[in-house]
Every structure is written in C-alpha cells, then in structure tokens.
Amino acid sequence: MAGSKIGGLKAAIKNKEKYGFDFYRRIGALGGKKSRGGGFAYDTEMARLAGRLGGLKSRRGDATPVDNDAVESAKQQIKLHRR
C-alpha cells in the first residue's frame, strides 16, 4: 500500500510489471462499462428533489423547527421518481 508519492509510483511500476503495461487502462474500462449513467448530471430532476430534501433538513440559519410532513413528502417524491 502506498503511503507516499514515491510508494505510489513504486506500486504503479510493480502493478504494470505483474499485470501488463495496460493494467490501469483495463481496470478503468471495466469501471466505465459498469456505469449505468447515474449521477445528478444525468438526472436533473433527481438532483432537484435531493436538493429540496437537503434544504428542508438544513439546520443553518434561524432555529426553525423541521417540517416533518414536508420531509416525508420529499422522500416519497424521490421514491416515485426512482421507479
């Protein structure tokens, strides 16, 4: 395990010796193929709903009580959107 930059470089060299020069390219490709296109960049509506939920739960600013009904409603909207 690399504990420093030098250790990381040594580990990279060793991995390339053991598994081939294109080791990092192959493992990177595996991750790319497993991608389901998730994330907020692909689903702006989900980003909006998640942001709303976080804003409802936020404790910054005035000490106003959390509206639990609104939080539950936001959670339900997210669940329905995922289907």
Protein backbone atom coordinates (compact mmCIF):
# COMPACT_ATOMS: atom_id res chain seq x y z
CA MET A 1 0.00 0.00 0.00
CA ALA A 2 1.33 3.40 -0.95
CA GLY A 3 1.87 5.73 1.97
CA SER A 4 3.61 8.42 -0.02
CA LYS A 5 4.01 9.65 -3.58
CA ILE A 6 7.18 7.59 -4.01
CA GLY A 7 5.43 4.49 -2.65
CA GLY A 8 2.57 5.06 -5.07
CA LEU A 9 4.95 5.25 -8.00
CA LYS A 10 6.65 2.04 -6.90
CA ALA A 11 3.26 0.32 -6.61
CA ALA A 12 2.30 1.50 -10.10
CA ILE A 13 5.53 0.13 -11.55
CA LYS A 14 5.00 -3.20 -9.78
CA ASN A 15 1.39 -3.44 -10.99
CA LYS A 16 2.50 -2.83 -14.56
CA GLU A 17 5.20 -5.49 -14.24
CA LYS A 18 2.79 -8.06 -12.82
CA TYR A 19 -0.33 -7.37 -14.89
CA GLY A 20 0.92 -5.72 -18.08
CA PHE A 21 1.56 -2.20 -19.27
CA ASP A 22 -2.14 -1.51 -19.91
CA PHE A 23 -3.25 -2.56 -16.40
CA TYR A 24 -4.77 0.79 -15.46
CA ARG A 25 -6.43 1.16 -18.86
CA ARG A 26 -8.14 -2.23 -18.46
CA ILE A 27 -9.40 -1.64 -14.92
CA GLY A 28 -10.59 1.83 -15.91
CA ALA A 29 -12.51 0.35 -18.84
CA LEU A 30 -14.20 -2.13 -16.51
CA GLY A 31 -15.48 0.71 -14.37
CA GLY A 32 -16.69 2.60 -17.41
CA LYS A 33 -18.59 -0.41 -18.70
CA LYS A 34 -20.32 -0.92 -15.35
CA SER A 35 -21.58 2.65 -15.31
CA ARG A 36 -25.33 2.95 -15.51
CA GLY A 37 -25.21 6.63 -16.37
CA GLY A 38 -26.10 7.64 -12.85
CA GLY A 39 -25.40 10.82 -11.02
CA PHE A 40 -27.07 14.16 -10.94
CA ALA A 41 -25.63 15.20 -14.32
CA TYR A 42 -27.87 12.60 -15.97
CA ASP A 43 -30.94 13.15 -13.82
CA THR A 44 -31.55 16.79 -13.07
CA GLU A 45 -34.99 16.11 -11.61
CA MET A 46 -33.44 13.80 -9.01
CA ALA A 47 -30.87 16.49 -8.24
CA ARG A 48 -33.68 18.99 -7.69
CA LEU A 49 -35.57 16.62 -5.39
CA ALA A 50 -32.44 15.73 -3.39
CA GLY A 51 -31.54 19.40 -3.03
CA ARG A 52 -35.02 20.17 -1.78
CA LEU A 53 -34.81 17.37 0.78
CA GLY A 54 -31.43 18.61 2.00
CA GLY A 55 -32.74 22.16 2.22
CA LEU A 56 -35.71 21.02 4.29
CA LYS A 57 -33.42 19.22 6.72
CA SER A 58 -30.86 22.02 6.93
CA ARG A 59 -30.29 23.48 10.41
CA ARG A 60 -28.39 26.57 9.33
CA GLY A 61 -29.84 29.99 9.92
CA ASP A 62 -32.71 30.61 12.30
CA ALA A 63 -33.58 27.83 14.69
CA THR A 64 -36.84 26.93 12.95
CA PRO A 65 -38.33 23.51 13.51
CA VAL A 66 -38.06 20.96 10.72
CA ASP A 67 -41.34 20.39 8.87
CA ASN A 68 -41.51 16.60 9.07
CA ASP A 69 -44.50 16.41 6.73
CA ALA A 70 -42.58 18.25 4.01
CA VAL A 71 -39.55 15.99 4.54
CA GLU A 72 -41.67 12.85 4.22
CA SER A 73 -43.34 14.27 1.12
CA ALA A 74 -39.94 14.94 -0.45
CA LYS A 75 -38.80 11.39 0.36
CA GLN A 76 -41.93 9.98 -1.30
CA GLN A 77 -41.31 12.09 -4.42
CA ILE A 78 -37.77 10.71 -4.66
CA LYS A 79 -39.03 7.13 -4.29
CA LEU A 80 -41.63 7.66 -7.01
CA HIS A 81 -39.08 9.26 -9.30
CA ARG A 82 -36.69 6.29 -8.99
CA ARG A 83 -39.29 3.86 -10.36
